[in-house]
Amino acid sequence: GWLVAQAQLAKVGINTSHLKRTFFAHGHRNVADAVAARLAHAGSI
């Protein structure tokens, strides 16, 4: 829910400044809820 995303984004040449926004949902289930509700375009889970 964080480390993998940082590593994978770096591999494709993207850092935090290239994203519109990131946020912590505080729980993987909450990540799924946020993506399902379209509060995020994607989620690392």
PDB file of all heavy atoms in Angstrom:
ATOM      1  N   GLY A   1       0.782  -1.231   0.000  1.00  0.00           N
ATOM      2  CA  GLY A   1       0.000   0.000   0.000  1.00  0.00           C
ATOM      3  C   GLY A   1       0.811   1.277   0.000  1.00  0.00           C
ATOM      4  O   GLY A   1       0.255   2.372   0.133  1.00  0.00           O
ATOM      5  N   TRP A   2       2.142   1.174  -0.157  1.00  0.00           N
ATOM      6  CA  TRP A   2       2.980   2.360  -0.327  1.00  0.00           C
ATOM      7  C   TRP A   2       4.293   2.039  -1.029  1.00  0.00           C
ATOM      8  O   TRP A   2       4.577   2.565  -2.102  1.00  0.00           O
ATOM      9  CB  TRP A   2       3.305   3.040   1.006  1.00  0.00           C
ATOM     10  CG  TRP A   2       4.131   4.290   0.811  1.00  0.00           C
ATOM     11  CD1 TRP A   2       3.667   5.519   0.407  1.00  0.00           C
ATOM     12  CD2 TRP A   2       5.556   4.432   0.936  1.00  0.00           C
ATOM     13  NE1 TRP A   2       4.711   6.411   0.285  1.00  0.00           N
ATOM     14  CE2 TRP A   2       5.886   5.777   0.597  1.00  0.00           C
ATOM     15  CE3 TRP A   2       6.582   3.559   1.281  1.00  0.00           C
ATOM     16  CZ2 TRP A   2       7.203   6.256   0.625  1.00  0.00           C
ATOM     17  CZ3 TRP A   2       7.894   4.031   1.301  1.00  0.00           C
ATOM     18  CH2 TRP A   2       8.195   5.361   0.990  1.00  0.00           C
ATOM     19  N   LEU A   3       5.071   1.117  -0.453  1.00  0.00           N
ATOM     20  CA  LEU A   3       6.421   0.846  -0.960  1.00  0.00           C
ATOM     21  C   LEU A   3       6.395   0.363  -2.404  1.00  0.00           C
ATOM     22  O   LEU A   3       7.162   0.846  -3.255  1.00  0.00           O
ATOM     23  CB  LEU A   3       7.114  -0.177  -0.066  1.00  0.00           C
ATOM     24  CG  LEU A   3       8.594  -0.420  -0.337  1.00  0.00           C
ATOM     25  CD1 LEU A   3       9.408   0.828  -0.008  1.00  0.00           C
ATOM     26  CD2 LEU A   3       9.100  -1.612   0.469  1.00  0.00           C
ATOM     27  N   VAL A   4       5.527  -0.588  -2.709  1.00  0.00           N
ATOM     28  CA  VAL A   4       5.431  -1.114  -4.073  1.00  0.00           C
ATOM     29  C   VAL A   4       5.090   0.009  -5.053  1.00  0.00           C
ATOM     30  O   VAL A   4       5.668   0.102  -6.143  1.00  0.00           O
ATOM     31  CB  VAL A   4       4.376  -2.238  -4.147  1.00  0.00           C
ATOM     32  CG1 VAL A   4       4.047  -2.574  -5.593  1.00  0.00           C
ATOM     33  CG2 VAL A   4       4.871  -3.488  -3.423  1.00  0.00           C
ATOM     34  N   ALA A   5       4.155   0.864  -4.656  1.00  0.00           N
ATOM     35  CA  ALA A   5       3.748   1.963  -5.539  1.00  0.00           C
ATOM     36  C   ALA A   5       4.924   2.894  -5.843  1.00  0.00           C
ATOM     37  O   ALA A   5       5.119   3.314  -6.989  1.00  0.00           O
ATOM     38  CB  ALA A   5       2.600   2.744  -4.907  1.00  0.00           C
ATOM     39  N   GLN A   6       5.720   3.213  -4.828  1.00  0.00           N
ATOM     40  CA  GLN A   6       6.863   4.095  -5.044  1.00  0.00           C
ATOM     41  C   GLN A   6       7.856   3.463  -6.011  1.00  0.00           C
ATOM     42  O   GLN A   6       8.392   4.138  -6.910  1.00  0.00           O
ATOM     43  CB  GLN A   6       7.557   4.412  -3.711  1.00  0.00           C
ATOM     44  CG  GLN A   6       6.657   4.955  -2.632  1.00  0.00           C
ATOM     45  CD  GLN A   6       5.776   6.087  -3.109  1.00  0.00           C
ATOM     46  OE1 GLN A   6       6.262   7.098  -3.616  1.00  0.00           O
ATOM     47  NE2 GLN A   6       4.474   5.925  -2.958  1.00  0.00           N
ATOM     48  N   ALA A   7       8.126   2.184  -5.836  1.00  0.00           N
ATOM     49  CA  ALA A   7       9.085   1.492  -6.695  1.00  0.00           C
ATOM     50  C   ALA A   7       8.582   1.392  -8.130  1.00  0.00           C
ATOM     51  O   ALA A   7       9.336   1.625  -9.089  1.00  0.00           O
ATOM     52  CB  ALA A   7       9.378   0.098  -6.130  1.00  0.00           C
ATOM     53  N   GLN A   8       7.308   1.060  -8.293  1.00  0.00           N
ATOM     54  CA  GLN A   8       6.764   0.882  -9.637  1.00  0.00           C
ATOM     55  C   GLN A   8       6.618   2.209 -10.374  1.00  0.00           C
ATOM     56  O   GLN A   8       6.864   2.285 -11.581  1.00  0.00           O
ATOM     57  CB  GLN A   8       5.423   0.150  -9.565  1.00  0.00           C
ATOM     58  CG  GLN A   8       5.525  -1.282  -9.088  1.00  0.00           C
ATOM     59  CD  GLN A   8       6.455  -2.128  -9.949  1.00  0.00           C
ATOM     60  OE1 GLN A   8       6.418  -2.045 -11.175  1.00  0.00           O
ATOM     61  NE2 GLN A   8       7.284  -2.926  -9.312  1.00  0.00           N
ATOM     62  N   LEU A   9       6.209   3.242  -9.673  1.00  0.00           N
ATOM     63  CA  LEU A   9       6.102   4.554 -10.308  1.00  0.00           C
ATOM     64  C   LEU A   9       7.481   5.030 -10.774  1.00  0.00           C
ATOM     65  O   LEU A   9       7.619   5.602 -11.872  1.00  0.00           O
ATOM     66  CB  LEU A   9       5.481   5.561  -9.344  1.00  0.00           C
ATOM     67  CG  LEU A   9       3.982   5.394  -9.083  1.00  0.00           C
ATOM     68  CD1 LEU A   9       3.546   6.287  -7.926  1.00  0.00           C
ATOM     69  CD2 LEU A   9       3.157   5.691 -10.331  1.00  0.00           C
ATOM     70  N   ALA A  10       8.500   4.795  -9.968  1.00  0.00           N
ATOM     71  CA  ALA A  10       9.855   5.200 -10.349  1.00  0.00           C
ATOM     72  C   ALA A  10      10.303   4.465 -11.607  1.00  0.00           C
ATOM     73  O   ALA A  10      11.000   5.049 -12.461  1.00  0.00           O
ATOM     74  CB  ALA A  10      10.821   4.937  -9.196  1.00  0.00           C
ATOM     75  N   LYS A  11       9.908   3.224 -11.735  1.00  0.00           N
ATOM     76  CA  LYS A  11      10.310   2.444 -12.906  1.00  0.00           C
ATOM     77  C   LYS A  11       9.754   3.017 -14.201  1.00  0.00           C
ATOM     78  O   LYS A  11      10.358   2.867 -15.266  1.00  0.00           O
ATOM     79  CB  LYS A  11       9.851   0.991 -12.745  1.00  0.00           C
ATOM     80  CG  LYS A  11      10.690   0.173 -11.786  1.00  0.00           C
ATOM     81  CD  LYS A  11      10.228  -1.279 -11.750  1.00  0.00           C
ATOM     82  CE  LYS A  11      11.086  -2.106 -10.815  1.00  0.00           C
ATOM     83  NZ  LYS A  11      10.644  -3.527 -10.769  1.00  0.00           N
ATOM     84  N   VAL A  12       8.588   3.658 -14.114  1.00  0.00           N
ATOM     85  CA  VAL A  12       7.984   4.220 -15.332  1.00  0.00           C
ATOM     86  C   VAL A  12       8.200   5.727 -15.414  1.00  0.00           C
ATOM     87  O   VAL A  12       7.566   6.413 -16.216  1.00  0.00           O
ATOM     88  CB  VAL A  12       6.472   3.880 -15.405  1.00  0.00           C
ATOM     89  CG1 VAL A  12       6.265   2.380 -15.502  1.00  0.00           C
ATOM     90  CG2 VAL A  12       5.705   4.456 -14.208  1.00  0.00           C
ATOM     91  N   GLY A  13       9.099   6.245 -14.569  1.00  0.00           N
ATOM     92  CA  GLY A  13       9.480   7.649 -14.656  1.00  0.00           C
ATOM     93  C   GLY A  13       8.472   8.619 -14.078  1.00  0.00           C
ATOM     94  O   GLY A  13       8.427   9.792 -14.487  1.00  0.00           O
ATOM     95  N   ILE A  14       7.673   8.161 -13.115  1.00  0.00           N
ATOM     96  CA  ILE A  14       6.669   9.022 -12.496  1.00  0.00           C
ATOM     97  C   ILE A  14       7.015   9.212 -11.022  1.00  0.00           C
ATOM     98  O   ILE A  14       7.326   8.234 -10.327  1.00  0.00           O
ATOM     99  CB  ILE A  14       5.259   8.424 -12.629  1.00  0.00           C
ATOM    100  CG1 ILE A  14       4.841   8.373 -14.100  1.00  0.00           C
ATOM    101  CG2 ILE A  14       4.237   9.237 -11.827  1.00  0.00           C
ATOM    102  CD1 ILE A  14       3.478   7.704 -14.319  1.00  0.00           C
ATOM    103  N   ASN A  15       6.965  10.442 -10.540  1.00  0.00           N
ATOM    104  CA  ASN A  15       7.087  10.676  -9.109  1.00  0.00           C
ATOM    105  C   ASN A  15       5.824  11.370  -8.617  1.00  0.00           C
ATOM    106  O   ASN A  15       4.896  11.632  -9.386  1.00  0.00           O
ATOM    107  CB  ASN A  15       8.351  11.492  -8.775  1.00  0.00           C
ATOM    108  CG  ASN A  15       8.366  12.849  -9.455  1.00  0.00           C
ATOM    109  OD1 ASN A  15       7.349  13.551  -9.488  1.00  0.00           O
ATOM    110  ND2 ASN A  15       9.517  13.225 -10.006  1.00  0.00           N
ATOM    111  N   THR A  16       5.790  11.662  -7.335  1.00  0.00           N
ATOM    112  CA  THR A  16       4.576  12.212  -6.722  1.00  0.00           C
ATOM    113  C   THR A  16       4.118  13.497  -7.396  1.00  0.00           C
ATOM    114  O   THR A  16       2.909  13.741  -7.536  1.00  0.00           O
ATOM    115  CB  THR A  16       4.820  12.469  -5.220  1.00  0.00           C
ATOM    116  OG1 THR A  16       5.234  11.262  -4.594  1.00  0.00           O
ATOM    117  CG2 THR A  16       3.552  12.956  -4.545  1.00  0.00           C
ATOM    118  N   SER A  17       5.055  14.300  -7.849  1.00  0.00           N
ATOM    119  CA  SER A  17       4.688  15.570  -8.471  1.00  0.00           C
ATOM    120  C   SER A  17       3.963  15.382  -9.800  1.00  0.00           C
ATOM    121  O   SER A  17       3.272  16.289 -10.276  1.00  0.00           O
ATOM    122  CB  SER A  17       5.932  16.440  -8.682  1.00  0.00           C
ATOM    123  OG  SER A  17       6.792  15.854  -9.650  1.00  0.00           O
ATOM    124  N   HIS A  18       4.119  14.193 -10.397  1.00  0.00           N
ATOM    125  CA  HIS A  18       3.455  13.919 -11.676  1.00  0.00           C
ATOM    126  C   HIS A  18       2.018  13.432 -11.486  1.00  0.00           C
ATOM    127  O   HIS A  18       1.256  13.364 -12.459  1.00  0.00           O
ATOM    128  CB  HIS A  18       4.229  12.849 -12.458  1.00  0.00           C
ATOM    129  CG  HIS A  18       5.608  13.280 -12.844  1.00  0.00           C
ATOM    130  ND1 HIS A  18       6.709  12.449 -12.735  1.00  0.00           N
ATOM    131  CD2 HIS A  18       6.078  14.467 -13.328  1.00  0.00           C
ATOM    132  CE1 HIS A  18       7.779  13.091 -13.141  1.00  0.00           C
ATOM    133  NE2 HIS A  18       7.432  14.314 -13.501  1.00  0.00           N
ATOM    134  N   LEU A  19       1.679  13.086 -10.260  1.00  0.00           N
ATOM    135  CA  LEU A  19       0.323  12.620  -9.982  1.00  0.00           C
ATOM    136  C   LEU A  19      -0.578  13.807  -9.651  1.00  0.00           C
ATOM    137  O   LEU A  19      -0.115  14.819  -9.114  1.00  0.00           O
ATOM    138  CB  LEU A  19       0.318  11.636  -8.814  1.00  0.00           C
ATOM    139  CG  LEU A  19       1.135  10.355  -8.994  1.00  0.00           C
ATOM    140  CD1 LEU A  19       1.161   9.576  -7.698  1.00  0.00           C
ATOM    141  CD2 LEU A  19       0.581   9.507 -10.125  1.00  0.00           C
ATOM    142  N   LYS A  20      -1.828  13.677  -9.933  1.00  0.00           N
ATOM    143  CA  LYS A  20      -2.774  14.724  -9.546  1.00  0.00           C
ATOM    144  C   LYS A  20      -2.888  14.780  -8.030  1.00  0.00           C
ATOM    145  O   LYS A  20      -2.878  15.859  -7.427  1.00  0.00           O
ATOM    146  CB  LYS A  20      -4.142  14.464 -10.171  1.00  0.00           C
ATOM    147  CG  LYS A  20      -5.168  15.542  -9.859  1.00  0.00           C
ATOM    148  CD  LYS A  20      -6.477  15.275 -10.591  1.00  0.00           C
ATOM    149  CE  LYS A  20      -7.489  16.389 -10.312  1.00  0.00           C
ATOM    150  NZ  LYS A  20      -8.771  16.135 -11.036  1.00  0.00           N
ATOM    151  N   ARG A  21      -2.955  13.589  -7.424  1.00  0.00           N
ATOM    152  CA  ARG A  21      -3.056  13.531  -5.963  1.00  0.00           C
ATOM    153  C   ARG A  21      -2.861  12.094  -5.501  1.00  0.00           C
ATOM    154  O   ARG A  21      -3.165  11.149  -6.229  1.00  0.00           O
ATOM    155  CB  ARG A  21      -4.430  14.026  -5.490  1.00  0.00           C
ATOM    156  CG  ARG A  21      -4.578  14.135  -3.967  1.00  0.00           C
ATOM    157  CD  ARG A  21      -5.811  14.954  -3.609  1.00  0.00           C
ATOM    158  NE  ARG A  21      -7.045  14.271  -3.937  1.00  0.00           N
ATOM    159  CZ  ARG A  21      -7.739  13.521  -3.053  1.00  0.00           C
ATOM    160  NH1 ARG A  21      -7.307  13.370  -1.805  1.00  0.00           N
ATOM    161  NH2 ARG A  21      -8.880  12.949  -3.406  1.00  0.00           N
ATOM    162  N   THR A  22      -2.326  11.932  -4.310  1.00  0.00           N
ATOM    163  CA  THR A  22      -2.336  10.632  -3.631  1.00  0.00           C
ATOM    164  C   THR A  22      -2.922  10.849  -2.246  1.00  0.00           C
ATOM    165  O   THR A  22      -2.853  11.952  -1.692  1.00  0.00           O
ATOM    166  CB  THR A  22      -0.925  10.034  -3.490  1.00  0.00           C
ATOM    167  OG1 THR A  22      -0.123  10.890  -2.655  1.00  0.00           O
ATOM    168  CG2 THR A  22      -0.250   9.852  -4.838  1.00  0.00           C
ATOM    169  N   PHE A  23      -3.491   9.806  -1.686  1.00  0.00           N
ATOM    170  CA  PHE A  23      -3.981   9.897  -0.312  1.00  0.00           C
ATOM    171  C   PHE A  23      -3.943   8.518   0.332  1.00  0.00           C
ATOM    172  O   PHE A  23      -3.998   7.497  -0.347  1.00  0.00           O
ATOM    173  CB  PHE A  23      -5.400  10.467  -0.250  1.00  0.00           C
ATOM    174  CG  PHE A  23      -6.461   9.627  -0.919  1.00  0.00           C
ATOM    175  CD1 PHE A  23      -7.151   8.645  -0.209  1.00  0.00           C
ATOM    176  CD2 PHE A  23      -6.768   9.823  -2.255  1.00  0.00           C
ATOM    177  CE1 PHE A  23      -8.128   7.874  -0.824  1.00  0.00           C
ATOM    178  CE2 PHE A  23      -7.746   9.063  -2.882  1.00  0.00           C
ATOM    179  CZ  PHE A  23      -8.432   8.082  -2.159  1.00  0.00           C
ATOM    180  N   PHE A  24      -3.798   8.533   1.653  1.00  0.00           N
ATOM    181  CA  PHE A  24      -3.806   7.293   2.419  1.00  0.00           C
ATOM    182  C   PHE A  24      -5.223   7.011   2.905  1.00  0.00           C
ATOM    183  O   PHE A  24      -5.845   7.853   3.559  1.00  0.00           O
ATOM    184  CB  PHE A  24      -2.852   7.384   3.613  1.00  0.00           C
ATOM    185  CG  PHE A  24      -1.399   7.369   3.220  1.00  0.00           C
ATOM    186  CD1 PHE A  24      -0.625   8.512   3.341  1.00  0.00           C
ATOM    187  CD2 PHE A  24      -0.826   6.210   2.728  1.00  0.00           C
ATOM    188  CE1 PHE A  24       0.708   8.505   2.971  1.00  0.00           C
ATOM    189  CE2 PHE A  24       0.519   6.188   2.362  1.00  0.00           C
ATOM    190  CZ  PHE A  24       1.277   7.336   2.477  1.00  0.00           C
ATOM    191  N   ALA A  25      -5.703   5.824   2.588  1.00  0.00           N
ATOM    192  CA  ALA A  25      -7.049   5.418   2.996  1.00  0.00           C
ATOM    193  C   ALA A  25      -7.037   4.727   4.355  1.00  0.00           C
ATOM    194  O   ALA A  25      -8.090   4.471   4.929  1.00  0.00           O
ATOM    195  CB  ALA A  25      -7.660   4.486   1.952  1.00  0.00           C
ATOM    196  N   HIS A  26      -5.839   4.407   4.874  1.00  0.00           N
ATOM    197  CA  HIS A  26      -5.675   3.770   6.186  1.00  0.00           C
ATOM    198  C   HIS A  26      -6.409   2.437   6.255  1.00  0.00           C
ATOM    199  O   HIS A  26      -7.338   2.237   7.039  1.00  0.00           O
ATOM    200  CB  HIS A  26      -6.118   4.712   7.306  1.00  0.00           C
ATOM    201  CG  HIS A  26      -5.342   5.989   7.333  1.00  0.00           C
ATOM    202  ND1 HIS A  26      -4.007   6.038   7.673  1.00  0.00           N
ATOM    203  CD2 HIS A  26      -5.698   7.261   7.021  1.00  0.00           C
ATOM    204  CE1 HIS A  26      -3.581   7.288   7.582  1.00  0.00           C
ATOM    205  NE2 HIS A  26      -4.578   8.044   7.183  1.00  0.00           N
ATOM    206  N   GLY A  27      -5.945   1.518   5.427  1.00  0.00           N
ATOM    207  CA  GLY A  27      -6.489   0.168   5.394  1.00  0.00           C
ATOM    208  C   GLY A  27      -6.728  -0.260   3.956  1.00  0.00           C
ATOM    209  O   GLY A  27      -7.200   0.533   3.132  1.00  0.00           O
ATOM    210  N   HIS A  28      -6.372  -1.503   3.646  1.00  0.00           N
ATOM    211  CA  HIS A  28      -6.525  -1.981   2.271  1.00  0.00           C
ATOM    212  C   HIS A  28      -7.993  -2.062   1.858  1.00  0.00           C
ATOM    213  O   HIS A  28      -8.336  -1.788   0.703  1.00  0.00           O
ATOM    214  CB  HIS A  28      -5.842  -3.338   2.122  1.00  0.00           C
ATOM    215  CG  HIS A  28      -4.355  -3.253   2.225  1.00  0.00           C
ATOM    216  ND1 HIS A  28      -3.577  -2.713   1.225  1.00  0.00           N
ATOM    217  CD2 HIS A  28      -3.500  -3.631   3.204  1.00  0.00           C
ATOM    218  CE1 HIS A  28      -2.300  -2.764   1.586  1.00  0.00           C
ATOM    219  NE2 HIS A  28      -2.234  -3.305   2.782  1.00  0.00           N
ATOM    220  N   ARG A  29      -8.834  -2.447   2.782  1.00  0.00           N
ATOM    221  CA  ARG A  29     -10.259  -2.466   2.456  1.00  0.00           C
ATOM    222  C   ARG A  29     -10.734  -1.056   2.090  1.00  0.00           C
ATOM    223  O   ARG A  29     -11.548  -0.882   1.174  1.00  0.00           O
ATOM    224  CB  ARG A  29     -11.062  -3.017   3.632  1.00  0.00           C
ATOM    225  CG  ARG A  29     -12.562  -3.057   3.376  1.00  0.00           C
ATOM    226  CD  ARG A  29     -13.315  -3.697   4.522  1.00  0.00           C
ATOM    227  NE  ARG A  29     -14.750  -3.612   4.324  1.00  0.00           N
ATOM    228  CZ  ARG A  29     -15.657  -4.110   5.158  1.00  0.00           C
ATOM    229  NH1 ARG A  29     -15.260  -4.739   6.245  1.00  0.00           N
ATOM    230  NH2 ARG A  29     -16.935  -3.982   4.907  1.00  0.00           N
ATOM    231  N   ASN A  30     -10.209  -0.060   2.779  1.00  0.00           N
ATOM    232  CA  ASN A  30     -10.582   1.323   2.480  1.00  0.00           C
ATOM    233  C   ASN A  30     -10.067   1.761   1.113  1.00  0.00           C
ATOM    234  O   ASN A  30     -10.680   2.599   0.452  1.00  0.00           O
ATOM    235  CB  ASN A  30     -10.060   2.253   3.563  1.00  0.00           C
ATOM    236  CG  ASN A  30     -10.722   2.013   4.899  1.00  0.00           C
ATOM    237  OD1 ASN A  30     -11.810   1.461   4.975  1.00  0.00           O
ATOM    238  ND2 ASN A  30     -10.059   2.419   5.974  1.00  0.00           N
ATOM    239  N   VAL A  31      -8.914   1.215   0.702  1.00  0.00           N
ATOM    240  CA  VAL A  31      -8.407   1.499  -0.640  1.00  0.00           C
ATOM    241  C   VAL A  31      -9.408   1.010  -1.680  1.00  0.00           C
ATOM    242  O   VAL A  31      -9.767   1.722  -2.627  1.00  0.00           O
ATOM    243  CB  VAL A  31      -7.030   0.847  -0.865  1.00  0.00           C
ATOM    244  CG1 VAL A  31      -6.633   0.918  -2.344  1.00  0.00           C
ATOM    245  CG2 VAL A  31      -5.967   1.527  -0.011  1.00  0.00           C
ATOM    246  N   ALA A  32      -9.869  -0.229  -1.509  1.00  0.00           N
ATOM    247  CA  ALA A  32     -10.851  -0.788  -2.447  1.00  0.00           C
ATOM    248  C   ALA A  32     -12.132   0.034  -2.438  1.00  0.00           C
ATOM    249  O   ALA A  32     -12.717   0.305  -3.500  1.00  0.00           O
ATOM    250  CB  ALA A  32     -11.144  -2.241  -2.086  1.00  0.00           C
ATOM    251  N   ASP A  33     -12.570   0.451  -1.257  1.00  0.00           N
ATOM    252  CA  ASP A  33     -13.785   1.274  -1.157  1.00  0.00           C
ATOM    253  C   ASP A  33     -13.605   2.592  -1.903  1.00  0.00           C
ATOM    254  O   ASP A  33     -14.515   3.064  -2.602  1.00  0.00           O
ATOM    255  CB  ASP A  33     -14.121   1.550   0.304  1.00  0.00           C
ATOM    256  CG  ASP A  33     -14.663   0.330   1.041  1.00  0.00           C
ATOM    257  OD1 ASP A  33     -15.151  -0.607   0.369  1.00  0.00           O
ATOM    258  OD2 ASP A  33     -14.595   0.313   2.283  1.00  0.00           O
ATOM    259  N   ALA A  34     -12.427   3.214  -1.751  1.00  0.00           N
ATOM    260  CA  ALA A  34     -12.170   4.508  -2.386  1.00  0.00           C
ATOM    261  C   ALA A  34     -12.146   4.391  -3.907  1.00  0.00           C
ATOM    262  O   ALA A  34     -12.686   5.246  -4.621  1.00  0.00           O
ATOM    263  CB  ALA A  34     -10.844   5.082  -1.881  1.00  0.00           C
ATOM    264  N   VAL A  35     -11.529   3.328  -4.403  1.00  0.00           N
ATOM    265  CA  VAL A  35     -11.471   3.132  -5.852  1.00  0.00           C
ATOM    266  C   VAL A  35     -12.859   2.807  -6.397  1.00  0.00           C
ATOM    267  O   VAL A  35     -13.268   3.325  -7.444  1.00  0.00           O
ATOM    268  CB  VAL A  35     -10.464   2.033  -6.214  1.00  0.00           C
ATOM    269  CG1 VAL A  35     -10.484   1.745  -7.714  1.00  0.00           C
ATOM    270  CG2 VAL A  35      -9.052   2.436  -5.777  1.00  0.00           C
ATOM    271  N   ALA A  36     -13.595   1.962  -5.683  1.00  0.00           N
ATOM    272  CA  ALA A  36     -14.951   1.620  -6.122  1.00  0.00           C
ATOM    273  C   ALA A  36     -15.845   2.846  -6.176  1.00  0.00           C
ATOM    274  O   ALA A  36     -16.699   2.972  -7.064  1.00  0.00           O
ATOM    275  CB  ALA A  36     -15.547   0.573  -5.179  1.00  0.00           C
ATOM    276  N   ALA A  37     -15.635   3.771  -5.229  1.00  0.00           N
ATOM    277  CA  ALA A  37     -16.432   5.008  -5.183  1.00  0.00           C
ATOM    278  C   ALA A  37     -15.902   6.073  -6.132  1.00  0.00           C
ATOM    279  O   ALA A  37     -16.439   7.174  -6.180  1.00  0.00           O
ATOM    280  CB  ALA A  37     -16.457   5.552  -3.758  1.00  0.00           C
ATOM    281  N   ARG A  38     -14.831   5.727  -6.880  1.00  0.00           N
ATOM    282  CA  ARG A  38     -14.216   6.636  -7.848  1.00  0.00           C
ATOM    283  C   ARG A  38     -13.635   7.897  -7.200  1.00  0.00           C
ATOM    284  O   ARG A  38     -13.588   8.966  -7.813  1.00  0.00           O
ATOM    285  CB  ARG A  38     -15.194   6.981  -8.971  1.00  0.00           C
ATOM    286  CG  ARG A  38     -15.441   5.793  -9.908  1.00  0.00           C
ATOM    287  CD  ARG A  38     -16.548   6.045 -10.899  1.00  0.00           C
ATOM    288  NE  ARG A  38     -16.556   5.078 -11.993  1.00  0.00           N
ATOM    289  CZ  ARG A  38     -16.886   3.786 -11.900  1.00  0.00           C
ATOM    290  NH1 ARG A  38     -17.218   3.282 -10.716  1.00  0.00           N
ATOM    291  NH2 ARG A  38     -16.871   3.000 -12.959  1.00  0.00           N
ATOM    292  N   LEU A  39     -13.209   7.748  -5.960  1.00  0.00           N
ATOM    293  CA  LEU A  39     -12.458   8.814  -5.310  1.00  0.00           C
ATOM    294  C   LEU A  39     -11.011   8.796  -5.783  1.00  0.00           C
ATOM    295  O   LEU A  39     -10.261   9.748  -5.546  1.00  0.00           O
ATOM    296  CB  LEU A  39     -12.514   8.654  -3.792  1.00  0.00           C
ATOM    297  CG  LEU A  39     -13.912   8.728  -3.159  1.00  0.00           C
ATOM    298  CD1 LEU A  39     -13.816   8.446  -1.666  1.00  0.00           C
ATOM    299  CD2 LEU A  39     -14.551  10.083  -3.421  1.00  0.00           C
ATOM    300  N   ALA A  40     -10.626   7.699  -6.406  1.00  0.00           N
ATOM    301  CA  ALA A  40      -9.289   7.549  -6.970  1.00  0.00           C
ATOM    302  C   ALA A  40      -9.400   6.815  -8.295  1.00  0.00           C
ATOM    303  O   ALA A  40     -10.301   5.993  -8.486  1.00  0.00           O
ATOM    304  CB  ALA A  40      -8.382   6.781  -6.014  1.00  0.00           C
ATOM    305  N   HIS A  41      -8.486   7.129  -9.212  1.00  0.00           N
ATOM    306  CA  HIS A  41      -8.468   6.426 -10.491  1.00  0.00           C
ATOM    307  C   HIS A  41      -7.926   5.008 -10.341  1.00  0.00           C
ATOM    308  O   HIS A  41      -8.217   4.127 -11.169  1.00  0.00           O
ATOM    309  CB  HIS A  41      -7.600   7.186 -11.498  1.00  0.00           C
ATOM    310  CG  HIS A  41      -8.154   8.527 -11.862  1.00  0.00           C
ATOM    311  ND1 HIS A  41      -7.670   9.709 -11.328  1.00  0.00           N
ATOM    312  CD2 HIS A  41      -9.164   8.882 -12.692  1.00  0.00           C
ATOM    313  CE1 HIS A  41      -8.335  10.728 -11.833  1.00  0.00           C
ATOM    314  NE2 HIS A  41      -9.249  10.261 -12.661  1.00  0.00           N
ATOM    315  N   ALA A  42      -7.109   4.799  -9.295  1.00  0.00           N
ATOM    316  CA  ALA A  42      -6.511   3.478  -9.061  1.00  0.00           C
ATOM    317  C   ALA A  42      -6.093   3.383  -7.604  1.00  0.00           C
ATOM    318  O   ALA A  42      -6.031   4.384  -6.887  1.00  0.00           O
ATOM    319  CB  ALA A  42      -5.310   3.269  -9.980  1.00  0.00           C
ATOM    320  N   GLY A  43      -5.784   2.171  -7.175  1.00  0.00           N
ATOM    321  CA  GLY A  43      -5.347   1.952  -5.803  1.00  0.00           C
ATOM    322  C   GLY A  43      -4.304   0.863  -5.730  1.00  0.00           C
ATOM    323  O   GLY A  43      -4.363  -0.125  -6.475  1.00  0.00           O
ATOM    324  N   SER A  44      -3.332   1.048  -4.858  1.00  0.00           N
ATOM    325  CA  SER A  44      -2.304   0.044  -4.606  1.00  0.00           C
ATOM    326  C   SER A  44      -2.719  -0.734  -3.362  1.00  0.00           C
ATOM    327  O   SER A  44      -2.854  -0.161  -2.281  1.00  0.00           O
ATOM    328  CB  SER A  44      -0.943   0.715  -4.389  1.00  0.00           C
ATOM    329  OG  SER A  44       0.094  -0.236  -4.335  1.00  0.00           O
ATOM    330  N   ILE A  45      -2.932  -2.047  -3.521  1.00  0.00           N
ATOM    331  CA  ILE A  45      -3.608  -2.813  -2.483  1.00  0.00           C
ATOM    332  C   ILE A  45      -2.978  -4.185  -2.290  1.00  0.00           C
ATOM    333  O   ILE A  45      -2.359  -4.742  -3.203  1.00  0.00           O
ATOM    334  CB  ILE A  45      -5.120  -2.958  -2.855  1.00  0.00           C
ATOM    335  CG1 ILE A  45      -5.939  -3.531  -1.701  1.00  0.00           C
ATOM    336  CG2 ILE A  45      -5.291  -3.787  -4.118  1.00  0.00           C
ATOM    337  CD1 ILE A  45      -7.445  -3.515  -1.966  1.00  0.00           C
TER     338      ILE A  45
END
